[in-house]
């Protein structure tokens, strides 16, 4: 499954860059600008979601180190505040 998500990640980012370039270089009065901008945004959205899934999966399986963050249960509220 992770290989499929990795392929989806690469294809989505390639679509973002390709359609983003088309959107930036197209004529402002054409309909291709709107379509290219929508496809670029869709590629960026899918690319970000797929990348976040891959990061979470690699941390869960031990392939990558976990982020150095303090767990939520260790946070204390300052005294005098409710």
PDB file of N, CA and C in Angstrom:
ATOM      1  N   UNK A   1       0.820  -1.195   0.000  1.00  0.00           N
ATOM      2  CA  UNK A   1       0.000   0.000   0.000  1.00  0.00           C
ATOM      3  C   UNK A   1       0.866   1.263   0.000  1.00  0.00           C
ATOM      4  N   UNK A   2       1.982   1.209   0.752  1.00  0.00           N
ATOM      5  CA  UNK A   2       2.818   2.411   0.815  1.00  0.00           C
ATOM      6  C   UNK A   2       3.466   2.727  -0.528  1.00  0.00           C
ATOM      7  N   UNK A   3       3.739   1.699  -1.340  1.00  0.00           N
ATOM      8  CA  UNK A   3       4.308   1.967  -2.667  1.00  0.00           C
ATOM      9  C   UNK A   3       3.281   2.654  -3.562  1.00  0.00           C
ATOM     10  N   UNK A   4       2.029   2.247  -3.433  1.00  0.00           N
ATOM     11  CA  UNK A   4       0.965   2.880  -4.209  1.00  0.00           C
ATOM     12  C   UNK A   4       0.801   4.350  -3.798  1.00  0.00           C
ATOM     13  N   UNK A   5       0.865   4.622  -2.509  1.00  0.00           N
ATOM     14  CA  UNK A   5       0.764   6.004  -2.024  1.00  0.00           C
ATOM     15  C   UNK A   5       1.981   6.810  -2.479  1.00  0.00           C
ATOM     16  N   UNK A   6       3.151   6.188  -2.500  1.00  0.00           N
ATOM     17  CA  UNK A   6       4.356   6.890  -2.957  1.00  0.00           C
ATOM     18  C   UNK A   6       4.249   7.243  -4.442  1.00  0.00           C
ATOM     19  N   UNK A   7       3.717   6.333  -5.229  1.00  0.00           N
ATOM     20  CA  UNK A   7       3.520   6.623  -6.657  1.00  0.00           C
ATOM     21  C   UNK A   7       2.491   7.733  -6.829  1.00  0.00           C
ATOM     22  N   UNK A   8       1.405   7.670  -6.052  1.00  0.00           N
ATOM     23  CA  UNK A   8       0.394   8.720  -6.101  1.00  0.00           C
ATOM     24  C   UNK A   8       1.001  10.068  -5.712  1.00  0.00           C
ATOM     25  N   UNK A   9       1.896  10.062  -4.739  1.00  0.00           N
ATOM     26  CA  UNK A   9       2.561  11.289  -4.308  1.00  0.00           C
ATOM     27  C   UNK A   9       3.377  11.895  -5.452  1.00  0.00           C
ATOM     28  N   UNK A  10       4.150  11.082  -6.125  1.00  0.00           N
ATOM     29  CA  UNK A  10       4.987  11.577  -7.223  1.00  0.00           C
ATOM     30  C   UNK A  10       4.135  12.093  -8.377  1.00  0.00           C
ATOM     31  N   UNK A  11       3.093  11.352  -8.724  1.00  0.00           N
ATOM     32  CA  UNK A  11       2.221  11.770  -9.831  1.00  0.00           C
ATOM     33  C   UNK A  11       1.486  13.063  -9.476  1.00  0.00           C
ATOM     34  N   UNK A  12       1.025  13.174  -8.229  1.00  0.00           N
ATOM     35  CA  UNK A  12       0.304  14.380  -7.811  1.00  0.00           C
ATOM     36  C   UNK A  12       1.209  15.607  -7.854  1.00  0.00           C
ATOM     37  N   UNK A  13       2.449  15.479  -7.344  1.00  0.00           N
ATOM     38  CA  UNK A  13       3.347  16.623  -7.383  1.00  0.00           C
ATOM     39  C   UNK A  13       3.770  16.963  -8.810  1.00  0.00           C
ATOM     40  N   UNK A  14       3.916  15.958  -9.651  1.00  0.00           N
ATOM     41  CA  UNK A  14       4.231  16.232 -11.064  1.00  0.00           C
ATOM     42  C   UNK A  14       3.081  16.994 -11.717  1.00  0.00           C
ATOM     43  N   UNK A  15       1.850  16.596 -11.405  1.00  0.00           N
ATOM     44  CA  UNK A  15       0.691  17.325 -11.924  1.00  0.00           C
ATOM     45  C   UNK A  15       0.632  18.742 -11.404  1.00  0.00           C
ATOM     46  N   UNK A  16       0.968  18.924 -10.136  1.00  0.00           N
ATOM     47  CA  UNK A  16       0.992  20.271  -9.570  1.00  0.00           C
ATOM     48  C   UNK A  16       1.971  21.158 -10.331  1.00  0.00           C
ATOM     49  N   UNK A  17       3.191  20.665 -10.533  1.00  0.00           N
ATOM     50  CA  UNK A  17       4.192  21.494 -11.213  1.00  0.00           C
ATOM     51  C   UNK A  17       3.843  21.721 -12.682  1.00  0.00           C
ATOM     52  N   UNK A  18       3.362  20.683 -13.368  1.00  0.00           N
ATOM     53  CA  UNK A  18       3.034  20.832 -14.791  1.00  0.00           C
ATOM     54  C   UNK A  18       1.858  21.779 -14.994  1.00  0.00           C
ATOM     55  N   UNK A  19       0.767  21.545 -14.276  1.00  0.00           N
ATOM     56  CA  UNK A  19      -0.407  22.400 -14.462  1.00  0.00           C
ATOM     57  C   UNK A  19      -0.212  23.773 -13.833  1.00  0.00           C
ATOM     58  N   UNK A  20       0.614  23.857 -12.798  1.00  0.00           N
ATOM     59  CA  UNK A  20       0.942  25.162 -12.245  1.00  0.00           C
ATOM     60  C   UNK A  20       1.703  26.013 -13.242  1.00  0.00           C
ATOM     61  N   UNK A  21       2.621  25.388 -13.963  1.00  0.00           N
ATOM     62  CA  UNK A  21       3.359  26.120 -14.997  1.00  0.00           C
ATOM     63  C   UNK A  21       2.419  26.574 -16.112  1.00  0.00           C
ATOM     64  N   UNK A  22       1.509  25.683 -16.516  1.00  0.00           N
ATOM     65  CA  UNK A  22       0.545  26.054 -17.556  1.00  0.00           C
ATOM     66  C   UNK A  22      -0.328  27.207 -17.084  1.00  0.00           C
ATOM     67  N   UNK A  23      -0.755  27.157 -15.811  1.00  0.00           N
ATOM     68  CA  UNK A  23      -1.600  28.226 -15.284  1.00  0.00           C
ATOM     69  C   UNK A  23      -0.847  29.556 -15.235  1.00  0.00           C
ATOM     70  N   UNK A  24       0.416  29.506 -14.878  1.00  0.00           N
ATOM     71  CA  UNK A  24       1.188  30.751 -14.783  1.00  0.00           C
ATOM     72  C   UNK A  24       1.532  31.347 -16.140  1.00  0.00           C
ATOM     73  N   UNK A  25       1.663  30.501 -17.148  1.00  0.00           N
ATOM     74  CA  UNK A  25       2.086  31.013 -18.457  1.00  0.00           C
ATOM     75  C   UNK A  25       0.943  31.159 -19.455  1.00  0.00           C
ATOM     76  N   UNK A  26      -0.281  30.791 -19.081  1.00  0.00           N
ATOM     77  CA  UNK A  26      -1.391  30.892 -20.028  1.00  0.00           C
ATOM     78  C   UNK A  26      -1.935  32.329 -20.056  1.00  0.00           C
ATOM     79  N   UNK A  27      -2.717  32.581 -21.077  1.00  0.00           N
ATOM     80  CA  UNK A  27      -3.343  33.886 -21.241  1.00  0.00           C
ATOM     81  C   UNK A  27      -4.391  34.087 -20.154  1.00  0.00           C
ATOM     82  N   UNK A  28      -4.477  35.275 -19.597  1.00  0.00           N
ATOM     83  CA  UNK A  28      -5.376  35.499 -18.463  1.00  0.00           C
ATOM     84  C   UNK A  28      -6.850  35.440 -18.850  1.00  0.00           C
ATOM     85  N   UNK A  29      -7.178  35.592 -20.102  1.00  0.00           N
ATOM     86  CA  UNK A  29      -8.583  35.590 -20.515  1.00  0.00           C
ATOM     87  C   UNK A  29      -9.046  34.221 -20.997  1.00  0.00           C
ATOM     88  N   UNK A  30      -8.200  33.200 -20.901  1.00  0.00           N
ATOM     89  CA  UNK A  30      -8.587  31.896 -21.431  1.00  0.00           C
ATOM     90  C   UNK A  30      -9.149  30.995 -20.341  1.00  0.00           C
ATOM     91  N   UNK A  31      -9.922  30.012 -20.787  1.00  0.00           N
ATOM     92  CA  UNK A  31     -10.501  29.040 -19.848  1.00  0.00           C
ATOM     93  C   UNK A  31      -9.444  28.042 -19.381  1.00  0.00           C
ATOM     94  N   UNK A  32      -8.355  27.912 -20.141  1.00  0.00           N
ATOM     95  CA  UNK A  32      -7.312  26.964 -19.742  1.00  0.00           C
ATOM     96  C   UNK A  32      -6.627  27.392 -18.447  1.00  0.00           C
ATOM     97  N   UNK A  33      -6.643  28.688 -18.154  1.00  0.00           N
ATOM     98  CA  UNK A  33      -6.080  29.164 -16.896  1.00  0.00           C
ATOM     99  C   UNK A  33      -6.858  28.590 -15.717  1.00  0.00           C
ATOM    100  N   UNK A  34      -8.172  28.616 -15.797  1.00  0.00           N
ATOM    101  CA  UNK A  34      -9.007  28.112 -14.704  1.00  0.00           C
ATOM    102  C   UNK A  34      -8.834  26.615 -14.532  1.00  0.00           C
ATOM    103  N   UNK A  35      -8.861  25.892 -15.628  1.00  0.00           N
ATOM    104  CA  UNK A  35      -8.721  24.432 -15.555  1.00  0.00           C
ATOM    105  C   UNK A  35      -7.344  24.052 -15.031  1.00  0.00           C
ATOM    106  N   UNK A  36      -6.309  24.708 -15.531  1.00  0.00           N
ATOM    107  CA  UNK A  36      -4.954  24.407 -15.089  1.00  0.00           C
ATOM    108  C   UNK A  36      -4.759  24.757 -13.615  1.00  0.00           C
ATOM    109  N   UNK A  37      -5.324  25.863 -13.176  1.00  0.00           N
ATOM    110  CA  UNK A  37      -5.198  26.249 -11.767  1.00  0.00           C
ATOM    111  C   UNK A  37      -5.923  25.252 -10.865  1.00  0.00           C
ATOM    112  N   UNK A  38      -7.096  24.797 -11.270  1.00  0.00           N
ATOM    113  CA  UNK A  38      -7.824  23.802 -10.485  1.00  0.00           C
ATOM    114  C   UNK A  38      -7.070  22.475 -10.423  1.00  0.00           C
ATOM    115  N   UNK A  39      -6.519  22.051 -11.556  1.00  0.00           N
ATOM    116  CA  UNK A  39      -5.759  20.800 -11.559  1.00  0.00           C
ATOM    117  C   UNK A  39      -4.468  20.920 -10.754  1.00  0.00           C
ATOM    118  N   UNK A  40      -3.837  22.084 -10.790  1.00  0.00           N
ATOM    119  CA  UNK A  40      -2.635  22.304  -9.983  1.00  0.00           C
ATOM    120  C   UNK A  40      -2.975  22.267  -8.495  1.00  0.00           C
ATOM    121  N   UNK A  41      -4.080  22.888  -8.111  1.00  0.00           N
ATOM    122  CA  UNK A  41      -4.496  22.871  -6.708  1.00  0.00           C
ATOM    123  C   UNK A  41      -4.858  21.457  -6.265  1.00  0.00           C
ATOM    124  N   UNK A  42      -5.509  20.704  -7.130  1.00  0.00           N
ATOM    125  CA  UNK A  42      -5.851  19.311  -6.822  1.00  0.00           C
ATOM    126  C   UNK A  42      -4.584  18.474  -6.656  1.00  0.00           C
ATOM    127  N   UNK A  43      -3.615  18.678  -7.528  1.00  0.00           N
ATOM    128  CA  UNK A  43      -2.347  17.963  -7.409  1.00  0.00           C
ATOM    129  C   UNK A  43      -1.602  18.312  -6.134  1.00  0.00           C
ATOM    130  N   UNK A  44      -1.630  19.578  -5.755  1.00  0.00           N
ATOM    131  CA  UNK A  44      -0.963  19.989  -4.514  1.00  0.00           C
ATOM    132  C   UNK A  44      -1.659  19.391  -3.298  1.00  0.00           C
ATOM    133  N   UNK A  45      -2.971  19.395  -3.302  1.00  0.00           N
ATOM    134  CA  UNK A  45      -3.717  18.836  -2.180  1.00  0.00           C
ATOM    135  C   UNK A  45      -3.479  17.349  -2.010  1.00  0.00           C
ATOM    136  N   UNK A  46      -3.563  16.608  -3.106  1.00  0.00           N
ATOM    137  CA  UNK A  46      -3.335  15.161  -3.049  1.00  0.00           C
ATOM    138  C   UNK A  46      -1.878  14.879  -2.682  1.00  0.00           C
ATOM    139  N   UNK A  47      -0.956  15.681  -3.200  1.00  0.00           N
ATOM    140  CA  UNK A  47       0.458  15.498  -2.888  1.00  0.00           C
ATOM    141  C   UNK A  47       0.754  15.706  -1.413  1.00  0.00           C
ATOM    142  N   UNK A  48       0.146  16.727  -0.808  1.00  0.00           N
ATOM    143  CA  UNK A  48       0.371  16.994   0.611  1.00  0.00           C
ATOM    144  C   UNK A  48      -0.212  15.874   1.466  1.00  0.00           C
ATOM    145  N   UNK A  49      -1.427  15.443   1.142  1.00  0.00           N
ATOM    146  CA  UNK A  49      -2.057  14.363   1.913  1.00  0.00           C
ATOM    147  C   UNK A  49      -1.251  13.072   1.793  1.00  0.00           C
ATOM    148  N   UNK A  50      -0.809  12.750   0.586  1.00  0.00           N
ATOM    149  CA  UNK A  50      -0.021  11.529   0.398  1.00  0.00           C
ATOM    150  C   UNK A  50       1.318  11.618   1.119  1.00  0.00           C
ATOM    151  N   UNK A  51       1.954  12.781   1.088  1.00  0.00           N
ATOM    152  CA  UNK A  51       3.233  12.944   1.778  1.00  0.00           C
ATOM    153  C   UNK A  51       3.066  12.795   3.287  1.00  0.00           C
ATOM    154  N   UNK A  52       2.013  13.400   3.830  1.00  0.00           N
ATOM    155  CA  UNK A  52       1.767  13.271   5.264  1.00  0.00           C
ATOM    156  C   UNK A  52       1.481  11.821   5.648  1.00  0.00           C
ATOM    157  N   UNK A  53       0.761  11.094   4.806  1.00  0.00           N
ATOM    158  CA  UNK A  53       0.500   9.680   5.081  1.00  0.00           C
ATOM    159  C   UNK A  53       1.812   8.897   5.069  1.00  0.00           C
ATOM    160  N   UNK A  54       2.673   9.180   4.112  1.00  0.00           N
ATOM    161  CA  UNK A  54       3.957   8.480   4.040  1.00  0.00           C
ATOM    162  C   UNK A  54       4.829   8.780   5.252  1.00  0.00           C
ATOM    163  N   UNK A  55       4.842  10.023   5.707  1.00  0.00           N
ATOM    164  CA  UNK A  55       5.629  10.386   6.884  1.00  0.00           C
ATOM    165  C   UNK A  55       5.102   9.653   8.111  1.00  0.00           C
ATOM    166  N   UNK A  56       3.795   9.669   8.295  1.00  0.00           N
ATOM    167  CA  UNK A  56       3.209   8.998   9.453  1.00  0.00           C
ATOM    168  C   UNK A  56       3.468   7.494   9.404  1.00  0.00           C
ATOM    169  N   UNK A  57       3.363   6.913   8.228  1.00  0.00           N
ATOM    170  CA  UNK A  57       3.593   5.474   8.086  1.00  0.00           C
ATOM    171  C   UNK A  57       5.057   5.123   8.351  1.00  0.00           C
ATOM    172  N   UNK A  58       5.978   5.939   7.853  1.00  0.00           N
ATOM    173  CA  UNK A  58       7.399   5.643   8.066  1.00  0.00           C
ATOM    174  C   UNK A  58       7.791   5.800   9.530  1.00  0.00           C
ATOM    175  N   UNK A  59       7.171   6.732  10.253  1.00  0.00           N
ATOM    176  CA  UNK A  59       7.436   6.858  11.683  1.00  0.00           C
ATOM    177  C   UNK A  59       6.828   5.690  12.453  1.00  0.00           C
ATOM    178  N   UNK A  60       5.650   5.230  12.037  1.00  0.00           N
ATOM    179  CA  UNK A  60       4.979   4.137  12.744  1.00  0.00           C
ATOM    180  C   UNK A  60       5.703   2.809  12.553  1.00  0.00           C
ATOM    181  N   UNK A  61       6.310   2.604  11.399  1.00  0.00           N
ATOM    182  CA  UNK A  61       6.996   1.342  11.132  1.00  0.00           C
ATOM    183  C   UNK A  61       8.449   1.355  11.580  1.00  0.00           C
ATOM    184  N   UNK A  62       8.952   2.501  12.027  1.00  0.00           N
ATOM    185  CA  UNK A  62      10.319   2.580  12.493  1.00  0.00           C
ATOM    186  C   UNK A  62      11.328   2.908  11.413  1.00  0.00           C
ATOM    187  N   UNK A  63      10.883   3.179  10.201  1.00  0.00           N
ATOM    188  CA  UNK A  63      11.800   3.521   9.114  1.00  0.00           C
ATOM    189  C   UNK A  63      12.425   4.894   9.343  1.00  0.00           C
ATOM    190  N   UNK A  64      11.665   5.800   9.932  1.00  0.00           N
ATOM    191  CA  UNK A  64      12.160   7.140  10.235  1.00  0.00           C
ATOM    192  C   UNK A  64      12.013   7.399  11.728  1.00  0.00           C
ATOM    193  N   UNK A  65      12.862   8.274  12.242  1.00  0.00           N
ATOM    194  CA  UNK A  65      12.756   8.636  13.656  1.00  0.00           C
ATOM    195  C   UNK A  65      11.492   9.455  13.882  1.00  0.00           C
ATOM    196  N   UNK A  66      10.925   9.286  15.053  1.00  0.00           N
ATOM    197  CA  UNK A  66       9.767  10.096  15.415  1.00  0.00           C
ATOM    198  C   UNK A  66      10.206  11.536  15.661  1.00  0.00           C
ATOM    199  N   UNK A  67       9.284  12.441  15.453  1.00  0.00           N
ATOM    200  CA  UNK A  67       9.563  13.850  15.703  1.00  0.00           C
ATOM    201  C   UNK A  67       9.813  14.057  17.194  1.00  0.00           C
ATOM    202  N   UNK A  68      10.740  14.932  17.514  1.00  0.00           N
ATOM    203  CA  UNK A  68      11.081  15.184  18.921  1.00  0.00           C
ATOM    204  C   UNK A  68      10.088  16.182  19.493  1.00  0.00           C
ATOM    205  N   UNK A  69       8.971  15.663  19.984  1.00  0.00           N
ATOM    206  CA  UNK A  69       7.945  16.497  20.573  1.00  0.00           C
ATOM    207  C   UNK A  69       7.594  15.967  21.949  1.00  0.00           C
ATOM    208  N   UNK A  70       7.184  16.864  22.808  1.00  0.00           N
ATOM    209  CA  UNK A  70       6.754  16.470  24.140  1.00  0.00           C
ATOM    210  C   UNK A  70       5.330  15.935  24.028  1.00  0.00           C
ATOM    211  N   UNK A  71       5.076  14.740  24.586  1.00  0.00           N
ATOM    212  CA  UNK A  71       3.709  14.218  24.529  1.00  0.00           C
ATOM    213  C   UNK A  71       2.730  15.150  25.237  1.00  0.00           C
ATOM    214  N   UNK A  72       1.507  15.127  24.791  1.00  0.00           N
ATOM    215  CA  UNK A  72       0.488  16.037  25.292  1.00  0.00           C
ATOM    216  C   UNK A  72       0.223  15.858  26.793  1.00  0.00           C
ATOM    217  N   UNK A  73       0.351  14.629  27.294  1.00  0.00           N
ATOM    218  CA  UNK A  73       0.064  14.396  28.713  1.00  0.00           C
ATOM    219  C   UNK A  73       1.130  14.995  29.629  1.00  0.00           C
ATOM    220  N   UNK A  74       2.266  15.411  29.109  1.00  0.00           N
ATOM    221  CA  UNK A  74       3.319  15.997  29.924  1.00  0.00           C
ATOM    222  C   UNK A  74       3.194  17.516  30.067  1.00  0.00           C
ATOM    223  N   UNK A  75       2.301  18.105  29.324  1.00  0.00           N
ATOM    224  CA  UNK A  75       2.102  19.549  29.433  1.00  0.00           C
ATOM    225  C   UNK A  75       1.304  19.856  30.697  1.00  0.00           C
ATOM    226  N   UNK A  76       1.766  20.837  31.435  1.00  0.00           N
ATOM    227  CA  UNK A  76       1.050  21.271  32.628  1.00  0.00           C
ATOM    228  C   UNK A  76       0.622  22.708  32.452  1.00  0.00           C
ATOM    229  N   UNK A  77      -0.525  23.013  33.010  1.00  0.00           N
ATOM    230  CA  UNK A  77      -0.970  24.390  32.998  1.00  0.00           C
ATOM    231  C   UNK A  77      -0.295  25.136  34.146  1.00  0.00           C
ATOM    232  N   UNK A  78       0.066  26.381  33.950  1.00  0.00           N
ATOM    233  CA  UNK A  78       0.671  27.159  35.048  1.00  0.00           C
ATOM    234  C   UNK A  78      -0.302  27.262  36.216  1.00  0.00           C
ATOM    235  N   UNK A  79       0.264  27.286  37.414  1.00  0.00           N
ATOM    236  CA  UNK A  79      -0.580  27.348  38.612  1.00  0.00           C
ATOM    237  C   UNK A  79      -1.308  28.682  38.666  1.00  0.00           C
ATOM    238  N   UNK A  80      -2.530  28.626  39.152  1.00  0.00           N
ATOM    239  CA  UNK A  80      -3.345  29.834  39.227  1.00  0.00           C
ATOM    240  C   UNK A  80      -4.259  30.008  38.025  1.00  0.00           C
ATOM    241  N   UNK A  81      -4.087  29.156  37.000  1.00  0.00           N
ATOM    242  CA  UNK A  81      -4.952  29.209  35.817  1.00  0.00           C
ATOM    243  C   UNK A  81      -5.792  27.943  35.777  1.00  0.00           C
ATOM    244  N   UNK A  82      -7.019  28.095  35.354  1.00  0.00           N
ATOM    245  CA  UNK A  82      -7.903  26.921  35.286  1.00  0.00           C
ATOM    246  C   UNK A  82      -8.153  26.522  33.872  1.00  0.00           C
TER     247      UNK A  82
END
